[in-house]
Amino acid sequence: MSSDTSVRDPDAGPPTGPSRRRKFLWAAGAIVFVAVVGFLVYARLSAHRTPQQSFAAFRNGGGGAELAVTVAKVTTGDVPITIDSLGTVTPLATVAIHPQVTGPMIKIAFKEGQMVKAGELLALIDPRPFQAALDQAQGQLQHDQAVLANARVDLARYKTLVAQNSVAEQTYATQQAAVLQDEATLATDSAAVETAKLNLSYCRITSPVDGSVGLRQVDVGNMVSAYSTEIVVVTQLHPMSVLFTVPEGNLSEVVRRLHAGDKLKAVAFDRSFTTQIDTGVLSNADNQIDTSTGTLKLRAMFNNAQSELFPNQFVNIRLTLETLHDQMLVPGAAVQTGASGSYVYVVDMSGGPGGGPATDPPRRPRAGGRRGAGGFGGAGLAGPAYTVHVRYVMTGPTVGNMISIRSGLKVGETVVVDGADQLRDDARVTIPPPPAGAGAPDAGAAPDAAPASGAPGHARAGGRGANGGYSGQGARHAHAPGKTGGAAAPASQQ
């Protein structure tokens, strides 16, 4: 019996169907895994990008994103050279009122804290004993006047008798001495009358200066003693002086201006240097330097119309030596310091990345637009891309949050204020437009800088910051002090 047996060719390979399918599945799984990992990495990186950077990367074909920075223009303004010092409010007159006669106090004519004029009645001592003493002195004066008149009549009689040889010469000489003696007695009586009048006037205690009275020290009915009992203190408030010191290094400039008759402006601030109290002028300087501190004492005078300068109060004084006009000014945050000196990043507003034209003009935000700063549904598009360059500058004095530039820049150039710490030379940046409702700047133009006066700006939600650049949070930067070659000024001049 025979059966068909299939014989396998030994040269034939293994079966290929199931093995190829397995390889295809493995390859497909690996591709899917790589795609998922790549998508996760991309999503993670995109989460850390700003909307402006995301749009800039999309606009530039997915290349490196530009940095969004805040900018300001170089402006001009006046820069005052000032000296800041701690001073003490010192009245021109502080008088402790003491009685000059002893007696009972019968009247207090002032109220505590009252403003009084010179010569105004403050208190009254019982005048009756002093009036009686005056009357007694006047009576004695009248008696001695009569005695003197009688002596003069006798002298005239003796003179006639001596001429007739009817009386001795000695009698005439004795009468002459009696007349001189009575005249001396009369002078003593006149002095006693004047003393009594003076003591009587001392019963009325008046203010010697215009000023404010303090707290009274005695009450009506108390016995006060001459030159020992203190009744009240009167302090002159108008005008008011402030004593302060300056380093001897500023001595020559201050003295020169004083001798020239210049009225140097002095401004008084509170102890925190935030509130201006009053404005005055430098009055005079001391005649010697304090060797223990190396400082010179100065006096500034203030009208103190609002009585805000209080005696013995500590205040800060800002003395203006001179004012530099038409100085270039930039926000202090724009100036960076490196090994080679101070520098700023200047924005090339005439061209975009690589020296070419700006990529896109800034567009006004459009509510509900399809393309936002970071894709769809954003608040608005980012500004155009520009190139920044390092520019070394020579700095001068500061004023507020602005710093003057002696050389290295030109008026109207645009510098980076916020974000300069992440830049390098020839880096690409974008200038974000202002938030919605704040208005957009002109295409290709940098936002305006701070006011020319250099005074700190006011932060405004959704508007310009204090440094002149556009920012959603307003002022955030303090000025960076620079180098100076002018007169020394400890506080506002580096």
Protein backbone atom coordinates (compact mmCIF):
# COMPACT_ATOMS: atom_id res chain seq x y z
CA MET A 1 0.00 0.00 0.00
CA SER A 2 1.46 3.26 -1.00
CA SER A 3 0.83 6.77 0.35
CA ASP A 4 1.81 10.21 -1.00
CA THR A 5 4.49 11.80 1.12
CA SER A 6 5.45 15.44 0.44
CA VAL A 7 9.11 15.90 0.52
CA ARG A 8 10.45 19.44 1.54
CA ASP A 9 13.23 20.88 -0.50
CA PRO A 10 16.19 21.37 1.81
CA ASP A 11 17.42 24.44 -0.23
CA ALA A 12 14.16 26.35 0.29
CA GLY A 13 14.15 29.19 3.01
CA PRO A 14 11.89 29.47 6.05
CA PRO A 15 8.33 30.69 5.72
CA THR A 16 8.21 34.53 5.24
CA GLY A 17 4.59 35.58 5.84
CA PRO A 18 4.30 35.82 9.67
CA SER A 19 7.89 37.10 10.16
CA ARG A 20 7.47 40.12 7.85
CA ARG A 21 4.24 41.13 9.56
CA ARG A 22 5.94 41.14 12.95
CA LYS A 23 8.76 43.39 11.75
CA PHE A 24 6.31 45.83 10.24
CA LEU A 25 4.39 46.11 13.50
CA TRP A 26 7.58 46.74 15.49
CA ALA A 27 8.67 49.47 13.08
CA ALA A 28 5.28 51.16 13.20
CA GLY A 29 5.28 51.12 17.00
CA ALA A 30 8.73 52.69 17.14
CA ILE A 31 7.65 55.47 14.79
CA VAL A 32 4.58 56.19 16.88
CA PHE A 33 6.67 56.27 20.08
CA VAL A 34 9.16 58.73 18.61
CA ALA A 35 6.33 60.94 17.35
CA VAL A 36 4.66 60.97 20.77
CA VAL A 37 7.92 61.82 22.55
CA GLY A 38 8.67 64.58 20.04
CA PHE A 39 5.21 66.04 20.47
CA LEU A 40 5.56 66.06 24.28
CA VAL A 41 8.96 67.79 24.11
CA TYR A 42 7.62 70.39 21.68
CA ALA A 43 4.60 71.03 23.88
CA ARG A 44 6.84 71.44 26.93
CA LEU A 45 9.08 73.96 25.19
CA SER A 46 6.12 75.84 23.77
CA ALA A 47 4.66 76.22 27.24
CA HIS A 48 7.70 78.32 28.28
CA ARG A 49 7.55 80.65 25.27
CA THR A 50 5.85 83.99 25.36
CA PRO A 51 3.14 84.62 22.76
CA GLN A 52 5.47 87.05 21.00
CA GLN A 53 8.28 84.46 20.85
CA SER A 54 5.91 81.78 19.56
CA PHE A 55 4.65 84.04 16.80
CA ALA A 56 8.19 85.19 15.97
CA ALA A 57 9.33 81.56 15.69
CA PHE A 58 6.37 80.79 13.44
CA ARG A 59 6.98 83.91 11.36
CA ASN A 60 10.69 83.14 10.91
CA GLY A 61 10.17 79.59 9.82
CA GLY A 62 10.59 78.01 13.24
CA GLY A 63 14.05 79.55 13.87
CA GLY A 64 15.31 81.09 17.16
CA ALA A 65 12.69 83.36 18.78
CA GLU A 66 13.36 87.04 19.40
CA LEU A 67 13.32 88.44 22.93
CA ALA A 68 10.56 90.87 23.84
CA VAL A 69 12.08 94.01 25.42
CA THR A 70 10.97 97.41 26.66
CA VAL A 71 12.63 100.41 25.05
CA ALA A 72 12.88 104.16 25.47
CA LYS A 73 14.23 107.03 23.42
CA VAL A 74 17.20 109.21 24.33
CA THR A 75 15.80 112.60 25.37
CA THR A 76 17.21 115.87 26.65
CA GLY A 77 16.55 117.73 29.86
CA ASP A 78 18.02 119.66 32.76
CA VAL A 79 20.13 117.84 35.35
CA PRO A 80 20.65 119.56 38.73
CA ILE A 81 23.92 118.91 40.59
CA THR A 82 22.85 118.44 44.19
CA ILE A 83 24.20 117.56 47.63
CA ASP A 84 22.01 115.62 50.06
CA SER A 85 22.56 115.97 53.80
CA LEU A 86 20.81 115.37 57.10
CA GLY A 87 19.91 118.58 58.92
CA THR A 88 18.30 119.83 62.11
CA VAL A 89 15.56 122.45 62.21
CA THR A 90 16.94 125.26 64.36
CA PRO A 91 14.82 128.36 65.20
CA LEU A 92 16.45 131.77 64.91
CA ALA A 93 15.19 132.59 68.43
CA THR A 94 14.16 130.38 71.34
CA VAL A 95 13.46 132.43 74.48
CA ALA A 96 12.72 131.07 77.94
CA ILE A 97 10.54 133.68 79.67
CA HIS A 98 11.63 134.44 83.26
CA PRO A 99 10.25 137.18 85.53
CA GLN A 100 12.60 140.06 86.37
CA VAL A 101 10.88 140.95 89.63
CA THR A 102 9.57 138.84 92.48
CA GLY A 103 5.89 138.79 93.20
CA PRO A 104 2.60 136.87 92.94
CA MET A 105 1.31 135.96 89.48
CA ILE A 106 -2.13 137.44 88.98
CA LYS A 107 -2.77 136.86 85.26
CA ILE A 108 -1.82 134.50 82.41
CA ALA A 109 -2.61 136.22 79.13
CA PHE A 110 -1.72 133.48 76.63
CA LYS A 111 -2.98 130.08 75.57
CA GLU A 112 -0.61 127.19 75.08
CA GLY A 113 0.47 126.94 71.45
CA GLN A 114 -0.72 130.47 70.66
CA MET A 115 1.11 132.58 68.09
CA VAL A 116 2.16 135.88 69.65
CA LYS A 117 3.76 139.09 68.40
CA ALA A 118 6.76 140.85 69.90
CA GLY A 119 5.58 143.05 72.81
CA GLU A 120 2.33 141.14 73.35
CA LEU A 121 1.36 140.56 77.00
CA LEU A 122 2.06 137.05 78.31
CA ALA A 123 1.63 137.34 82.09
CA LEU A 124 1.10 139.95 84.84
CA ILE A 125 2.67 140.16 88.28
CA ASP A 126 0.89 142.11 91.03
CA PRO A 127 2.04 145.72 90.32
CA ARG A 128 0.81 147.40 93.54
CA PRO A 129 4.01 147.08 95.64
CA PHE A 130 6.04 148.45 92.74
CA GLN A 131 3.60 151.30 92.19
CA ALA A 132 3.95 152.23 95.88
CA ALA A 133 7.73 152.18 95.61
CA LEU A 134 7.52 154.48 92.59
CA ASP A 135 5.29 156.93 94.46
CA GLN A 136 7.72 156.97 97.40
CA ALA A 137 10.69 157.63 95.13
CA GLN A 138 8.87 160.45 93.39
CA GLY A 139 7.98 162.04 96.77
CA GLN A 140 11.58 161.93 97.90
CA LEU A 141 12.60 163.48 94.59
CA GLN A 142 10.21 166.40 95.09
CA HIS A 143 11.52 166.98 98.65
CA ASP A 144 15.11 167.10 97.52
CA GLN A 145 14.21 169.40 94.63
CA ALA A 146 12.83 171.90 97.18
CA VAL A 147 15.96 171.61 99.34
CA LEU A 148 18.13 172.27 96.31
CA ALA A 149 16.10 175.31 95.34
CA ASN A 150 16.50 176.79 98.86
CA ALA A 151 20.23 176.11 98.81
CA ARG A 152 20.60 177.91 95.50
CA VAL A 153 18.75 180.99 96.88
CA ASP A 154 21.12 181.11 99.88
CA LEU A 155 24.09 180.78 97.55
CA ALA A 156 22.93 183.76 95.52
CA ARG A 157 22.46 185.81 98.74
CA TYR A 158 25.92 184.91 100.06
CA LYS A 159 27.45 185.84 96.75
CA THR A 160 26.04 189.40 97.09
CA LEU A 161 27.18 189.71 100.69
CA VAL A 162 30.68 188.54 99.86
CA ALA A 163 30.89 191.26 97.22
CA GLN A 164 29.97 193.81 99.95
CA ASN A 165 32.41 192.25 102.45
CA SER A 166 29.43 191.56 104.70
CA VAL A 167 30.07 187.79 105.05
CA ALA A 168 33.15 185.66 105.21
CA GLU A 169 34.46 183.89 102.13
CA GLN A 170 34.24 180.56 104.01
CA THR A 171 30.48 180.91 104.47
CA TYR A 172 30.06 181.41 100.73
CA ALA A 173 32.22 178.37 99.94
CA THR A 174 30.26 176.21 102.39
CA GLN A 175 27.01 177.18 100.70
CA GLN A 176 28.44 176.27 97.31
CA ALA A 177 29.25 172.78 98.62
CA ALA A 178 25.72 172.45 100.04
CA VAL A 179 24.24 173.22 96.64
CA LEU A 180 26.43 170.60 94.96
CA GLN A 181 25.45 168.08 97.62
CA ASP A 182 21.75 168.73 97.08
CA GLU A 183 22.20 168.37 93.33
CA ALA A 184 23.81 164.95 93.85
CA THR A 185 20.96 163.93 96.14
CA LEU A 186 18.51 165.03 93.48
CA ALA A 187 20.30 162.85 90.87
CA THR A 188 20.08 159.86 93.24
CA ASP A 189 16.38 160.47 93.73
CA SER A 190 15.87 160.63 89.96
CA ALA A 191 17.62 157.27 89.56
CA ALA A 192 15.42 155.77 92.25
CA VAL A 193 12.36 156.96 90.39
CA GLU A 194 13.62 155.40 87.15
CA THR A 195 14.31 152.12 88.96
CA ALA A 196 10.83 152.08 90.44
CA LYS A 197 9.33 152.74 87.03
CA LEU A 198 11.40 149.93 85.50
CA ASN A 199 10.37 147.44 88.18
CA LEU A 200 6.77 148.44 87.68
CA SER A 201 7.10 147.79 83.93
CA TYR A 202 8.57 144.34 84.66
CA CYS A 203 5.25 143.38 86.19
CA ARG A 204 3.96 143.18 82.61
CA ILE A 205 5.75 140.20 81.07
CA THR A 206 5.70 140.49 77.27
CA SER A 207 7.04 138.39 74.39
CA PRO A 208 10.43 139.55 73.09
CA VAL A 209 9.96 137.92 69.64
CA ASP A 210 7.27 136.79 67.25
CA GLY A 211 6.66 133.10 67.70
CA SER A 212 4.72 130.30 69.29
CA VAL A 213 4.37 129.85 73.03
CA GLY A 214 4.83 126.42 74.54
CA LEU A 215 3.35 124.86 77.67
CA ARG A 216 3.09 127.16 80.67
CA GLN A 217 5.12 126.26 83.73
CA VAL A 218 3.31 128.29 86.44
CA ASP A 219 -0.30 129.07 87.27
CA VAL A 220 -2.05 132.16 88.56
CA GLY A 221 -1.50 132.71 92.27
CA ASN A 222 1.99 131.28 92.45
CA MET A 223 4.87 133.38 93.72
CA VAL A 224 7.49 133.79 91.04
CA SER A 225 11.10 134.68 91.70
CA ALA A 226 13.15 137.04 89.60
CA TYR A 227 15.44 135.35 87.04
CA SER A 228 14.74 131.81 88.34
CA THR A 229 11.12 130.83 87.69
CA GLU A 230 10.43 129.85 84.08
CA ILE A 231 7.00 130.84 82.88
CA VAL A 232 6.95 129.65 79.24
CA VAL A 233 9.19 129.25 76.17
CA VAL A 234 8.58 131.31 73.03
CA THR A 235 10.00 129.91 69.77
CA GLN A 236 10.26 131.83 66.51
CA LEU A 237 8.81 129.85 63.60
CA HIS A 238 8.84 132.36 60.74
CA PRO A 239 11.34 132.32 59.20
CA MET A 240 12.91 129.00 60.16
CA SER A 241 16.48 127.85 59.65
CA VAL A 242 17.96 124.40 59.14
CA LEU A 243 21.54 123.57 60.07
CA PHE A 244 23.19 120.85 57.99
CA THR A 245 26.69 119.79 56.97
CA VAL A 246 28.46 119.15 53.68
CA PRO A 247 31.77 117.34 53.08
CA GLU A 248 34.84 119.54 52.93
CA GLY A 249 35.34 118.35 49.35
CA ASN A 250 32.39 120.56 48.35
CA LEU A 251 33.66 123.52 50.39
CA SER A 252 35.28 125.43 47.52
CA GLU A 253 32.20 125.28 45.28
CA VAL A 254 29.77 126.25 48.04
CA VAL A 255 31.89 129.11 49.38
CA ARG A 256 32.55 130.42 45.86
CA ARG A 257 28.84 130.59 45.13
CA LEU A 258 28.13 132.24 48.50
CA HIS A 259 30.79 134.92 47.99
CA ALA A 260 29.39 135.57 44.51
CA GLY A 261 26.02 136.34 46.08
CA ASP A 262 24.23 133.38 44.48
CA LYS A 263 21.07 132.15 46.17
CA LEU A 264 21.56 128.39 46.20
CA LYS A 265 18.27 126.51 46.35
CA ALA A 266 17.73 124.24 49.35
CA VAL A 267 14.80 121.84 49.56
CA ALA A 268 13.75 120.20 52.83
CA PHE A 269 12.39 116.63 52.76
CA ASP A 270 11.11 114.39 55.53
CA ARG A 271 13.33 111.72 57.07
CA SER A 272 12.28 109.12 54.50
CA PHE A 273 13.20 111.50 51.64
CA THR A 274 9.78 111.03 50.06
CA THR A 275 7.80 114.17 50.98
CA GLN A 276 8.96 117.69 50.19
CA ILE A 277 8.34 119.99 53.14
CA ASP A 278 9.53 123.44 52.07
CA THR A 279 11.88 125.27 49.71
CA GLY A 280 14.42 127.86 50.83
CA VAL A 281 17.85 129.30 50.10
CA LEU A 282 21.31 128.84 51.54
CA SER A 283 21.94 131.65 54.02
CA ASN A 284 25.48 131.31 55.33
CA ALA A 285 28.31 128.97 56.23
CA ASP A 286 30.28 128.44 59.41
CA ASN A 287 33.78 129.90 59.70
CA GLN A 288 35.58 126.62 60.40
CA ILE A 289 35.50 122.93 59.48
CA ASP A 290 34.68 120.34 62.10
CA THR A 291 37.92 118.35 62.33
CA SER A 292 36.19 115.33 63.88
CA THR A 293 33.90 114.81 60.89
CA GLY A 294 35.59 116.75 58.09
CA THR A 295 32.39 118.65 57.35
CA LEU A 296 31.32 122.29 57.13
CA LYS A 297 28.15 123.49 58.83
CA LEU A 298 25.69 125.49 56.69
CA ARG A 299 22.46 127.33 57.44
CA ALA A 300 19.49 127.39 55.07
CA MET A 301 16.54 129.73 55.54
CA PHE A 302 12.90 128.75 54.93
CA ASN A 303 9.73 130.86 55.10
CA ASN A 304 7.93 127.95 56.77
CA ALA A 305 4.57 129.43 55.78
CA GLN A 306 2.72 126.22 56.67
CA SER A 307 4.67 125.72 59.93
CA GLU A 308 5.68 122.23 58.80
CA LEU A 309 9.29 122.69 59.93
CA PHE A 310 9.25 122.05 63.66
CA PRO A 311 12.09 123.01 66.02
CA ASN A 312 14.69 120.26 66.55
CA GLN A 313 13.12 118.16 63.78
CA PHE A 314 15.46 116.02 61.67
CA VAL A 315 15.03 116.64 57.93
CA ASN A 316 16.90 115.86 54.74
CA ILE A 317 18.26 118.84 52.81
CA ARG A 318 18.93 118.77 49.06
CA LEU A 319 21.21 121.66 48.10
CA THR A 320 21.41 122.49 44.39
CA LEU A 321 24.86 123.70 43.37
CA GLU A 322 24.13 124.19 39.67
CA THR A 323 21.90 122.93 36.86
CA LEU A 324 23.25 121.36 33.67
CA HIS A 325 21.01 122.20 30.73
CA ASP A 326 20.20 120.16 27.60
CA GLN A 327 21.71 116.92 28.85
CA MET A 328 21.01 113.58 27.16
CA LEU A 329 18.85 111.42 29.43
CA VAL A 330 18.00 107.71 29.45
CA PRO A 331 16.28 105.59 32.10
CA GLY A 332 18.78 104.35 34.65
CA ALA A 333 17.75 100.73 34.02
CA ALA A 334 19.06 101.02 30.45
CA VAL A 335 22.68 101.44 31.58
CA GLN A 336 24.57 98.20 32.17
CA THR A 337 28.03 97.87 33.74
CA GLY A 338 30.71 95.56 32.39
CA ALA A 339 34.44 95.03 32.57
CA SER A 340 35.02 97.74 29.96
CA GLY A 341 32.69 100.30 31.54
CA SER A 342 29.09 101.35 31.18
CA TYR A 343 27.15 100.39 28.08
CA VAL A 344 23.64 100.28 26.64
CA TYR A 345 21.89 98.24 23.98
CA VAL A 346 20.88 100.48 21.07
CA VAL A 347 18.00 99.26 18.91
CA ASP A 348 18.54 99.57 15.15
CA MET A 349 15.14 101.01 14.31
CA SER A 350 15.98 101.29 10.59
CA GLY A 351 16.31 97.55 9.95
CA GLY A 352 15.18 94.17 11.08
CA PRO A 353 17.18 91.01 11.74
CA GLY A 354 20.41 90.74 9.79
CA GLY A 355 20.33 94.39 8.80
CA GLY A 356 17.35 93.97 6.48
CA PRO A 357 14.03 95.74 6.82
CA ALA A 358 11.83 95.09 9.76
CA THR A 359 9.96 91.83 9.33
CA ASP A 360 6.45 93.09 9.93
CA PRO A 361 5.06 96.43 11.04
CA PRO A 362 3.33 96.33 14.41
CA ARG A 363 -0.38 95.83 14.20
CA ARG A 364 -3.04 97.09 16.49
CA PRO A 365 -4.57 94.36 18.67
CA ARG A 366 -7.86 93.08 17.36
CA ALA A 367 -10.33 91.60 19.78
CA GLY A 368 -11.49 88.16 18.71
CA GLY A 369 -8.95 87.97 15.84
CA ARG A 370 -7.90 84.65 14.45
CA ARG A 371 -4.16 85.09 14.76
CA GLY A 372 -2.88 86.22 18.14
CA ALA A 373 0.61 86.67 19.51
CA GLY A 374 0.88 82.99 20.23
CA GLY A 375 -1.43 81.48 17.65
CA PHE A 376 -5.19 81.63 17.40
CA GLY A 377 -7.42 83.59 19.73
CA GLY A 378 -4.60 85.69 21.27
CA ALA A 379 -4.80 89.31 22.37
CA GLY A 380 -2.77 90.68 19.44
CA LEU A 381 0.32 90.36 17.30
CA ALA A 382 3.86 90.95 18.53
CA GLY A 383 5.80 93.96 17.27
CA PRO A 384 8.41 93.84 14.52
CA ALA A 385 11.84 92.28 15.01
CA TYR A 386 14.90 94.53 15.29
CA THR A 387 18.62 94.15 15.92
CA VAL A 388 20.40 95.56 18.99
CA HIS A 389 24.02 96.69 19.25
CA VAL A 390 26.24 97.29 22.25
CA ARG A 391 27.22 100.95 22.71
CA TYR A 392 29.68 102.05 25.40
CA VAL A 393 28.75 105.36 27.03
CA MET A 394 30.10 107.86 29.54
CA THR A 395 27.53 108.56 32.22
CA GLY A 396 26.94 111.69 34.25
CA PRO A 397 24.77 112.71 37.21
CA THR A 398 21.39 111.12 37.83
CA VAL A 399 18.05 112.83 38.33
CA GLY A 400 15.15 110.77 39.60
CA ASN A 401 15.13 107.46 37.69
CA MET A 402 16.97 109.02 34.76
CA ILE A 403 20.72 109.15 34.17
CA SER A 404 22.54 111.66 32.00
CA ILE A 405 24.84 110.53 29.19
CA ARG A 406 27.93 112.62 28.43
CA SER A 407 28.94 110.75 25.27
CA GLY A 408 28.17 107.61 23.29
CA LEU A 409 24.55 108.28 22.29
CA LYS A 410 22.53 110.69 20.19
CA VAL A 411 19.20 112.27 20.95
CA GLY A 412 16.36 110.26 19.45
CA GLU A 413 18.12 106.89 19.50
CA THR A 414 16.30 103.97 21.06
CA VAL A 415 17.78 101.96 23.93
CA VAL A 416 16.65 98.79 25.68
CA VAL A 417 15.33 99.36 29.18
CA ASP A 418 13.85 96.04 30.27
CA GLY A 419 15.34 92.71 29.22
CA ALA A 420 18.89 93.91 28.56
CA ASP A 421 20.38 91.28 30.89
CA GLN A 422 19.44 88.54 28.38
CA LEU A 423 20.82 90.26 25.28
CA ARG A 424 24.07 90.14 23.35
CA ASP A 425 25.47 92.16 20.51
CA ASP A 426 23.50 91.75 17.24
CA ALA A 427 20.67 89.99 19.08
CA ARG A 428 17.14 90.08 17.65
CA VAL A 429 14.40 91.66 19.73
CA THR A 430 10.76 92.58 19.44
CA ILE A 431 8.98 95.57 20.94
CA PRO A 432 5.56 94.53 22.25
CA PRO A 433 2.74 96.96 21.48
CA PRO A 434 0.90 98.58 24.39
CA PRO A 435 -2.01 96.64 25.90
CA ALA A 436 -5.52 97.10 24.55
CA GLY A 437 -6.99 100.49 25.36
CA ALA A 438 -3.61 102.19 25.84
CA GLY A 439 -3.07 103.10 22.17
CA ALA A 440 -0.44 101.71 19.86
CA PRO A 441 2.82 103.44 18.92
CA ASP A 442 3.62 104.46 15.40
CA ALA A 443 4.93 101.73 13.14
CA GLY A 444 8.64 101.24 13.45
CA ALA A 445 8.97 103.86 16.20
CA ALA A 446 10.02 103.34 19.79
CA PRO A 447 7.82 104.51 22.64
CA ASP A 448 8.52 107.93 24.10
CA ALA A 449 10.97 108.22 26.93
CA ALA A 450 10.40 109.77 30.31
CA PRO A 451 9.82 113.53 30.63
CA ALA A 452 12.79 115.75 29.89
CA SER A 453 12.88 117.01 33.44
CA GLY A 454 13.91 113.59 34.63
CA ALA A 455 11.25 113.41 37.30
CA PRO A 456 9.97 109.92 38.01
CA GLY A 457 6.90 109.04 35.98
CA HIS A 458 3.69 107.67 37.37
CA ALA A 459 2.78 104.08 36.72
CA ARG A 460 -0.52 103.66 34.92
CA ALA A 461 -2.25 100.34 34.42
CA GLY A 462 -2.08 99.35 30.78
CA GLY A 463 -0.03 102.44 29.86
CA ARG A 464 3.54 103.56 29.82
CA GLY A 465 5.92 102.78 32.59
CA ALA A 466 7.97 105.28 34.52
CA ASN A 467 11.02 104.57 32.42
CA GLY A 468 9.31 105.60 29.21
CA GLY A 469 8.92 102.08 27.77
CA TYR A 470 5.66 100.30 27.29
CA SER A 471 4.90 97.83 30.00
CA GLY A 472 1.77 96.44 31.56
CA GLN A 473 3.03 97.02 35.10
CA GLY A 474 4.35 100.56 34.98
CA ALA A 475 7.50 101.62 36.81
CA ARG A 476 9.59 98.71 37.99
CA HIS A 477 13.20 99.84 37.77
CA ALA A 478 15.43 101.97 39.93
CA HIS A 479 18.09 104.03 38.24
CA ALA A 480 21.54 102.54 37.85
CA PRO A 481 24.19 105.01 39.04
CA GLY A 482 26.88 105.84 36.52
CA LYS A 483 30.22 107.57 36.48
CA THR A 484 30.60 111.30 36.52
CA GLY A 485 33.24 113.83 35.94
CA GLY A 486 31.51 116.84 37.46
CA ALA A 487 31.26 118.21 40.94
CA ALA A 488 30.84 115.69 43.71
CA ALA A 489 27.34 115.11 44.95
CA PRO A 490 26.89 112.21 47.36
CA ALA A 491 23.24 111.51 46.76
CA SER A 492 22.35 112.36 43.19
CA GLN A 493 25.76 112.49 41.56
CA GLN A 494 27.96 109.44 41.39
